[in-house]
C-alpha atoms as a PDB file:
ATOM      1  CA  UNK A   1     182.894 -81.020 -57.314  1.00  0.00           C
ATOM      2  CA  UNK A   2     183.857 -84.465 -58.721  1.00  0.00           C
ATOM      3  CA  UNK A   3     181.233 -85.633 -58.790  1.00  0.00           C
ATOM      4  CA  UNK A   4     179.153 -83.757 -61.806  1.00  0.00           C
ATOM      5  CA  UNK A   5     179.234 -85.092 -65.551  1.00  0.00           C
ATOM      6  CA  UNK A   6     179.904 -82.648 -68.798  1.00  0.00           C
ATOM      7  CA  UNK A   7     179.340 -79.216 -68.693  1.00  0.00           C
ATOM      8  CA  UNK A   8     176.879 -77.265 -70.819  1.00  0.00           C
ATOM      9  CA  UNK A   9     175.919 -74.324 -71.535  1.00  0.00           C
ATOM     10  CA  UNK A  10     172.262 -73.015 -70.030  1.00  0.00           C
ATOM     11  CA  UNK A  11     170.481 -70.022 -71.754  1.00  0.00           C
ATOM     12  CA  UNK A  12     171.302 -66.942 -69.931  1.00  0.00           C
ATOM     13  CA  UNK A  13     172.247 -66.742 -65.766  1.00  0.00           C
ATOM     14  CA  UNK A  14     169.265 -66.899 -63.570  1.00  0.00           C
ATOM     15  CA  UNK A  15     168.846 -63.501 -61.819  1.00  0.00           C
ATOM     16  CA  UNK A  16     168.388 -65.202 -58.062  1.00  0.00           C
ATOM     17  CA  UNK A  17     169.792 -62.927 -55.678  1.00  0.00           C
ATOM     18  CA  UNK A  18     170.894 -66.184 -53.306  1.00  0.00           C
ATOM     19  CA  UNK A  19     172.486 -67.902 -56.358  1.00  0.00           C
ATOM     20  CA  UNK A  20     174.509 -64.946 -57.264  1.00  0.00           C
ATOM     21  CA  UNK A  21     175.606 -64.085 -53.406  1.00  0.00           C
ATOM     22  CA  UNK A  22     176.669 -67.425 -53.538  1.00  0.00           C
ATOM     23  CA  UNK A  23     178.769 -67.373 -56.484  1.00  0.00           C
ATOM     24  CA  UNK A  24     180.336 -63.939 -55.192  1.00  0.00           C
ATOM     25  CA  UNK A  25     181.441 -66.359 -51.928  1.00  0.00           C
ATOM     26  CA  UNK A  26     183.048 -69.135 -54.031  1.00  0.00           C
ATOM     27  CA  UNK A  27     184.946 -67.689 -56.530  1.00  0.00           C
ATOM     28  CA  UNK A  28     186.514 -70.170 -59.316  1.00  0.00           C
ATOM     29  CA  UNK A  29     184.425 -72.908 -57.798  1.00  0.00           C
ATOM     30  CA  UNK A  30     180.932 -73.719 -58.382  1.00  0.00           C
ATOM     31  CA  UNK A  31     177.261 -73.510 -56.313  1.00  0.00           C
ATOM     32  CA  UNK A  32     175.236 -76.565 -56.064  1.00  0.00           C
ATOM     33  CA  UNK A  33     171.345 -76.752 -56.929  1.00  0.00           C
ATOM     34  CA  UNK A  34     169.568 -78.544 -54.522  1.00  0.00           C
ATOM     35  CA  UNK A  35     166.507 -80.613 -55.647  1.00  0.00           C
ATOM     36  CA  UNK A  36     163.653 -79.464 -53.151  1.00  0.00           C
ATOM     37  CA  UNK A  37     162.085 -83.036 -53.972  1.00  0.00           C
ATOM     38  CA  UNK A  38     164.531 -84.834 -51.465  1.00  0.00           C
ATOM     39  CA  UNK A  39     165.908 -81.996 -49.072  1.00  0.00           C
ATOM     40  CA  UNK A  40     163.806 -79.594 -47.403  1.00  0.00           C
ATOM     41  CA  UNK A  41     166.784 -77.634 -45.453  1.00  0.00           C
ATOM     42  CA  UNK A  42     169.707 -77.048 -48.124  1.00  0.00           C
ATOM     43  CA  UNK A  43     171.986 -75.951 -45.198  1.00  0.00           C
ATOM     44  CA  UNK A  44     171.925 -79.167 -43.861  1.00  0.00           C
ATOM     45  CA  UNK A  45     173.260 -82.506 -44.534  1.00  0.00           C
ATOM     46  CA  UNK A  46     172.550 -83.261 -48.284  1.00  0.00           C
ATOM     47  CA  UNK A  47     172.845 -86.529 -49.974  1.00  0.00           C
ATOM     48  CA  UNK A  48     174.233 -86.556 -53.468  1.00  0.00           C
ATOM     49  CA  UNK A  49     171.709 -87.521 -55.187  1.00  0.00           C
ATOM     50  CA  UNK A  50     169.419 -84.795 -54.269  1.00  0.00           C
ATOM     51  CA  UNK A  51     171.789 -82.078 -56.036  1.00  0.00           C
ATOM     52  CA  UNK A  52     170.913 -81.651 -59.727  1.00  0.00           C
ATOM     53  CA  UNK A  53     173.986 -79.913 -60.868  1.00  0.00           C
ATOM     54  CA  UNK A  54     176.312 -77.105 -60.237  1.00  0.00           C
ATOM     55  CA  UNK A  55     176.735 -73.444 -61.846  1.00  0.00           C
ATOM     56  CA  UNK A  56     180.323 -72.813 -62.403  1.00  0.00           C
ATOM     57  CA  UNK A  57     181.770 -69.874 -61.186  1.00  0.00           C
ATOM     58  CA  UNK A  58     184.637 -67.812 -62.671  1.00  0.00           C
ATOM     59  CA  UNK A  59     187.745 -66.150 -60.387  1.00  0.00           C
ATOM     60  CA  UNK A  60     185.785 -62.833 -59.840  1.00  0.00           C
ATOM     61  CA  UNK A  61     182.798 -64.719 -58.444  1.00  0.00           C
ATOM     62  CA  UNK A  62     180.287 -64.260 -61.168  1.00  0.00           C
ATOM     63  CA  UNK A  63     178.194 -67.038 -62.833  1.00  0.00           C
ATOM     64  CA  UNK A  64     179.712 -68.518 -65.877  1.00  0.00           C
ATOM     65  CA  UNK A  65     176.571 -69.430 -67.576  1.00  0.00           C
ATOM     66  CA  UNK A  66     177.821 -73.237 -67.786  1.00  0.00           C
ATOM     67  CA  UNK A  67     176.601 -75.848 -65.499  1.00  0.00           C
ATOM     68  CA  UNK A  68     177.276 -79.431 -64.643  1.00  0.00           C
ATOM     69  CA  UNK A  69     174.837 -81.758 -64.690  1.00  0.00           C
ATOM     70  CA  UNK A  70     174.862 -84.640 -61.894  1.00  0.00           C
ATOM     71  CA  UNK A  71     174.069 -87.981 -63.456  1.00  0.00           C
ATOM     72  CA  UNK A  72     173.734 -89.075 -60.141  1.00  0.00           C
ATOM     73  CA  UNK A  73     170.512 -87.014 -59.412  1.00  0.00           C
ATOM     74  CA  UNK A  74     167.723 -88.904 -58.157  1.00  0.00           C
ATOM     75  CA  UNK A  75     165.929 -90.349 -55.078  1.00  0.00           C
ATOM     76  CA  UNK A  76     168.437 -90.810 -52.490  1.00  0.00           C
ATOM     77  CA  UNK A  77     169.619 -94.608 -51.703  1.00  0.00           C
ATOM     78  CA  UNK A  78     171.428 -96.163 -48.699  1.00  0.00           C
ATOM     79  CA  UNK A  79     175.154 -96.439 -48.604  1.00  0.00           C
ATOM     80  CA  UNK A  80     176.547 -98.371 -45.860  1.00  0.00           C
ATOM     81  CA  UNK A  81     179.860 -99.251 -48.052  1.00  0.00           C
ATOM     82  CA  UNK A  82     182.447 -97.409 -45.175  1.00  0.00           C
ATOM     83  CA  UNK A  83     180.638-100.343 -43.183  1.00  0.00           C
ATOM     84  CA  UNK A  84     180.903-103.229 -45.345  1.00  0.00           C
ATOM     85  CA  UNK A  85     184.067-102.528 -47.189  1.00  0.00           C
ATOM     86  CA  UNK A  86     186.579-102.438 -44.249  1.00  0.00           C
ATOM     87  CA  UNK A  87     188.252-105.664 -43.615  1.00  0.00           C
ATOM     88  CA  UNK A  88     186.784-106.132 -40.482  1.00  0.00           C
ATOM     89  CA  UNK A  89     184.969-109.215 -39.142  1.00  0.00           C
ATOM     90  CA  UNK A  90     180.997-108.592 -39.069  1.00  0.00           C
ATOM     91  CA  UNK A  91     179.736-112.447 -38.626  1.00  0.00           C
ATOM     92  CA  UNK A  92     178.094-111.432 -35.330  1.00  0.00           C
ATOM     93  CA  UNK A  93     175.565-109.269 -37.444  1.00  0.00           C
ATOM     94  CA  UNK A  94     174.689-112.116 -39.704  1.00  0.00           C
ATOM     95  CA  UNK A  95     174.693-112.581 -43.282  1.00  0.00           C
ATOM     96  CA  UNK A  96     173.600-108.902 -44.086  1.00  0.00           C
ATOM     97  CA  UNK A  97     175.180-106.404 -41.744  1.00  0.00           C
ATOM     98  CA  UNK A  98     173.655-103.559 -43.897  1.00  0.00           C
ATOM     99  CA  UNK A  99     170.269-104.889 -43.100  1.00  0.00           C
ATOM    100  CA  UNK A 100     170.822-105.759 -39.667  1.00  0.00           C
ATOM    101  CA  UNK A 101     172.148-101.952 -39.266  1.00  0.00           C
ATOM    102  CA  UNK A 102     169.615-100.637 -41.021  1.00  0.00           C
ATOM    103  CA  UNK A 103     166.849-102.456 -39.336  1.00  0.00           C
ATOM    104  CA  UNK A 104     168.494-101.392 -35.577  1.00  0.00           C
ATOM    105  CA  UNK A 105     168.049 -97.826 -36.457  1.00  0.00           C
ATOM    106  CA  UNK A 106     164.709 -98.299 -37.612  1.00  0.00           C
ATOM    107  CA  UNK A 107     164.262-100.095 -34.504  1.00  0.00           C
ATOM    108  CA  UNK A 108     165.577 -97.079 -32.573  1.00  0.00           C
ATOM    109  CA  UNK A 109     163.394 -94.192 -34.136  1.00  0.00           C
ATOM    110  CA  UNK A 110     160.297 -96.071 -33.858  1.00  0.00           C
ATOM    111  CA  UNK A 111     160.783 -97.067 -30.166  1.00  0.00           C
ATOM    112  CA  UNK A 112     160.700 -93.105 -29.928  1.00  0.00           C
ATOM    113  CA  UNK A 113     158.181 -92.236 -33.051  1.00  0.00           C
ATOM    114  CA  UNK A 114     155.694 -95.443 -33.896  1.00  0.00           C
ATOM    115  CA  UNK A 115     154.895 -94.596 -37.068  1.00  0.00           C
ATOM    116  CA  UNK A 116     158.483 -93.549 -38.327  1.00  0.00           C
ATOM    117  CA  UNK A 117     159.493 -94.753 -42.151  1.00  0.00           C
ATOM    118  CA  UNK A 118     163.172 -94.457 -42.561  1.00  0.00           C
ATOM    119  CA  UNK A 119     163.893 -93.093 -46.331  1.00  0.00           C
ATOM    120  CA  UNK A 120     167.199 -93.898 -46.414  1.00  0.00           C
ATOM    121  CA  UNK A 121     170.867 -94.228 -44.729  1.00  0.00           C
ATOM    122  CA  UNK A 122     174.262 -93.231 -45.195  1.00  0.00           C
ATOM    123  CA  UNK A 123     176.920 -94.293 -43.013  1.00  0.00           C
ATOM    124  CA  UNK A 124     179.069 -91.475 -43.338  1.00  0.00           C
ATOM    125  CA  UNK A 125     182.554 -92.831 -41.721  1.00  0.00           C
ATOM    126  CA  UNK A 126     184.599 -95.890 -40.789  1.00  0.00           C
ATOM    127  CA  UNK A 127     182.561 -96.987 -37.802  1.00  0.00           C
ATOM    128  CA  UNK A 128     184.722 -97.951 -34.755  1.00  0.00           C
ATOM    129  CA  UNK A 129     184.661-101.243 -34.170  1.00  0.00           C
ATOM    130  CA  UNK A 130     185.404-103.622 -31.049  1.00  0.00           C
ATOM    131  CA  UNK A 131     185.518-107.579 -30.296  1.00  0.00           C
ATOM    132  CA  UNK A 132     186.432-109.351 -27.360  1.00  0.00           C
ATOM    133  CA  UNK A 133     187.118-112.966 -26.675  1.00  0.00           C
ATOM    134  CA  UNK A 134     188.702-115.681 -24.078  1.00  0.00           C
ATOM    135  CA  UNK A 135     191.002-118.828 -25.126  1.00  0.00           C
ATOM    136  CA  UNK A 136     188.557-121.616 -25.785  1.00  0.00           C
ATOM    137  CA  UNK A 137     188.877-124.252 -22.815  1.00  0.00           C
ATOM    138  CA  UNK A 138     190.230-127.643 -24.571  1.00  0.00           C
ATOM    139  CA  UNK A 139     192.634-125.303 -26.825  1.00  0.00           C
ATOM    140  CA  UNK A 140     194.142-122.479 -25.339  1.00  0.00           C
ATOM    141  CA  UNK A 141     195.542-121.403 -29.210  1.00  0.00           C
ATOM    142  CA  UNK A 142     192.216-120.948 -30.399  1.00  0.00           C
ATOM    143  CA  UNK A 143     190.192-117.521 -29.339  1.00  0.00           C
ATOM    144  CA  UNK A 144     186.124-117.371 -29.013  1.00  0.00           C
ATOM    145  CA  UNK A 145     185.109-113.980 -30.278  1.00  0.00           C
ATOM    146  CA  UNK A 146     182.432-113.738 -26.998  1.00  0.00           C
ATOM    147  CA  UNK A 147     181.504-109.910 -27.151  1.00  0.00           C
ATOM    148  CA  UNK A 148     181.710-107.246 -30.371  1.00  0.00           C
ATOM    149  CA  UNK A 149     180.715-103.568 -30.917  1.00  0.00           C
ATOM    150  CA  UNK A 150     180.434-101.260 -33.567  1.00  0.00           C
ATOM    151  CA  UNK A 151     179.686 -97.018 -33.606  1.00  0.00           C
ATOM    152  CA  UNK A 152     178.657 -95.830 -37.360  1.00  0.00           C
ATOM    153  CA  UNK A 153     178.450 -92.032 -38.039  1.00  0.00           C
ATOM    154  CA  UNK A 154     175.072 -91.798 -40.226  1.00  0.00           C
ATOM    155  CA  UNK A 155     173.237 -89.063 -41.988  1.00  0.00           C
ATOM    156  CA  UNK A 156     169.404 -90.597 -42.576  1.00  0.00           C
ATOM    157  CA  UNK A 157     166.163 -89.468 -43.622  1.00  0.00           C
ATOM    158  CA  UNK A 158     162.942 -90.428 -41.841  1.00  0.00           C
ATOM    159  CA  UNK A 159     159.026 -89.380 -41.889  1.00  0.00           C
ATOM    160  CA  UNK A 160     156.806 -89.569 -39.749  1.00  0.00           C
ATOM    161  CA  UNK A 161     152.765 -88.234 -39.677  1.00  0.00           C
ATOM    162  CA  UNK A 162     153.952 -85.639 -36.992  1.00  0.00           C
ATOM    163  CA  UNK A 163     156.826 -83.985 -38.330  1.00  0.00           C
ATOM    164  CA  UNK A 164     157.052 -85.053 -41.843  1.00  0.00           C
ATOM    165  CA  UNK A 165     160.683 -85.184 -43.102  1.00  0.00           C
ATOM    166  CA  UNK A 166     163.631 -84.744 -40.972  1.00  0.00           C
ATOM    167  CA  UNK A 167     167.025 -85.632 -42.197  1.00  0.00           C
ATOM    168  CA  UNK A 168     169.398 -86.707 -38.716  1.00  0.00           C
ATOM    169  CA  UNK A 169     173.187 -86.516 -38.174  1.00  0.00           C
ATOM    170  CA  UNK A 170     174.533 -88.426 -35.269  1.00  0.00           C
ATOM    171  CA  UNK A 171     175.974 -92.032 -34.465  1.00  0.00           C
ATOM    172  CA  UNK A 172     174.102 -95.713 -34.239  1.00  0.00           C
ATOM    173  CA  UNK A 173     176.244 -98.010 -31.659  1.00  0.00           C
ATOM    174  CA  UNK A 174     175.531-101.456 -31.377  1.00  0.00           C
ATOM    175  CA  UNK A 175     176.846-103.977 -28.471  1.00  0.00           C
ATOM    176  CA  UNK A 176     176.486-107.409 -28.303  1.00  0.00           C
ATOM    177  CA  UNK A 177     177.849-109.851 -25.339  1.00  0.00           C
ATOM    178  CA  UNK A 178     177.788-113.852 -24.903  1.00  0.00           C
ATOM    179  CA  UNK A 179     178.154-114.442 -28.542  1.00  0.00           C
ATOM    180  CA  UNK A 180     179.425-117.731 -28.356  1.00  0.00           C
ATOM    181  CA  UNK A 181     176.446-118.576 -26.129  1.00  0.00           C
ATOM    182  CA  UNK A 182     173.978-117.629 -28.382  1.00  0.00           C
ATOM    183  CA  UNK A 183     171.114-118.985 -26.083  1.00  0.00           C
ATOM    184  CA  UNK A 184     171.761-116.051 -23.787  1.00  0.00           C
ATOM    185  CA  UNK A 185     173.323-113.453 -26.159  1.00  0.00           C
ATOM    186  CA  UNK A 186     172.670-109.799 -25.111  1.00  0.00           C
ATOM    187  CA  UNK A 187     172.276-107.215 -27.693  1.00  0.00           C
ATOM    188  CA  UNK A 188     172.187-103.264 -26.825  1.00  0.00           C
ATOM    189  CA  UNK A 189     171.218-100.258 -29.308  1.00  0.00           C
ATOM    190  CA  UNK A 190     172.319 -96.659 -28.851  1.00  0.00           C
ATOM    191  CA  UNK A 191     171.000 -94.091 -31.089  1.00  0.00           C
ATOM    192  CA  UNK A 192     173.211 -91.020 -30.401  1.00  0.00           C
ATOM    193  CA  UNK A 193     172.072 -87.689 -32.214  1.00  0.00           C
ATOM    194  CA  UNK A 194     174.433 -84.634 -33.092  1.00  0.00           C
ATOM    195  CA  UNK A 195     177.239 -86.249 -31.567  1.00  0.00           C
ATOM    196  CA  UNK A 196     180.765 -87.249 -33.796  1.00  0.00           C
ATOM    197  CA  UNK A 197     182.360 -90.584 -33.717  1.00  0.00           C
ATOM    198  CA  UNK A 198     184.979 -89.650 -31.291  1.00  0.00           C
ATOM    199  CA  UNK A 199     182.654 -88.901 -28.735  1.00  0.00           C
ATOM    200  CA  UNK A 200     180.349 -92.573 -29.417  1.00  0.00           C
ATOM    201  CA  UNK A 201     183.700 -94.422 -29.587  1.00  0.00           C
ATOM    202  CA  UNK A 202     184.711 -93.278 -26.573  1.00  0.00           C
ATOM    203  CA  UNK A 203     182.306 -94.968 -24.898  1.00  0.00           C
ATOM    204  CA  UNK A 204     182.019 -97.986 -27.400  1.00  0.00           C
ATOM    205  CA  UNK A 205     184.271-100.162 -24.556  1.00  0.00           C
ATOM    206  CA  UNK A 206     182.296 -99.029 -21.088  1.00  0.00           C
ATOM    207  CA  UNK A 207     179.027 -99.708 -23.407  1.00  0.00           C
ATOM    208  CA  UNK A 208     180.324-103.510 -24.449  1.00  0.00           C
ATOM    209  CA  UNK A 209     180.595-104.071 -20.620  1.00  0.00           C
ATOM    210  CA  UNK A 210     177.527-102.523 -19.720  1.00  0.00           C
ATOM    211  CA  UNK A 211     175.279-105.018 -21.075  1.00  0.00           C
ATOM    212  CA  UNK A 212     177.168-107.692 -19.680  1.00  0.00           C
ATOM    213  CA  UNK A 213     179.523-108.175 -16.526  1.00  0.00           C
ATOM    214  CA  UNK A 214     182.271-110.795 -17.971  1.00  0.00           C
ATOM    215  CA  UNK A 215     185.461-109.830 -17.601  1.00  0.00           C
ATOM    216  CA  UNK A 216     186.786-110.989 -21.393  1.00  0.00           C
ATOM    217  CA  UNK A 217     189.211-108.798 -22.755  1.00  0.00           C
ATOM    218  CA  UNK A 218     188.333-106.595 -25.200  1.00  0.00           C
ATOM    219  CA  UNK A 219     190.737-105.683 -28.497  1.00  0.00           C
ATOM    220  CA  UNK A 220     190.443-102.760 -30.709  1.00  0.00           C
END
């Protein structure tokens, strides 16, 4: 587990059946210690910050007594690096694309549960991007971007009064049309739980045309 720091030797080896069983299943590896303050289900998605550290396991599947502290342990934070790091034009999302996408996700959740509070969001893979345009009428060497869309795989934590905390996995998609005519711009969001990028990416082109019938060419 590359995210961990220096090792230290703790006094005694914990006599916890679950920990010992996990060690037996990971000879030569390590077993993570999850902080229940931030995660209720250790078998689901666990953000890196929710891992306190890891017990080192020897080649026979036994704990060595060595423990690797996680220097990132603490309150999970947003991570939109996989959205903003790629060299792809995101001007249609405004000056702060990460904030725009986060607000779009929050709006999608609050449309279902009014008091939903998003604790953190992490974009898990480079999103699928789609843009379309047409030549400008007075200069066919210049292409006007008329529509754009993205599909972004995410993990997030949300709290509601009724259900408490839930960690959700899925893909958030956003399509916008009439970008060259701001007064009649149209936007739509899709919040698909339990699906992967391949599934959402296959639907991105039909979705970008779904909100507007203009026949501009879409390009990946």
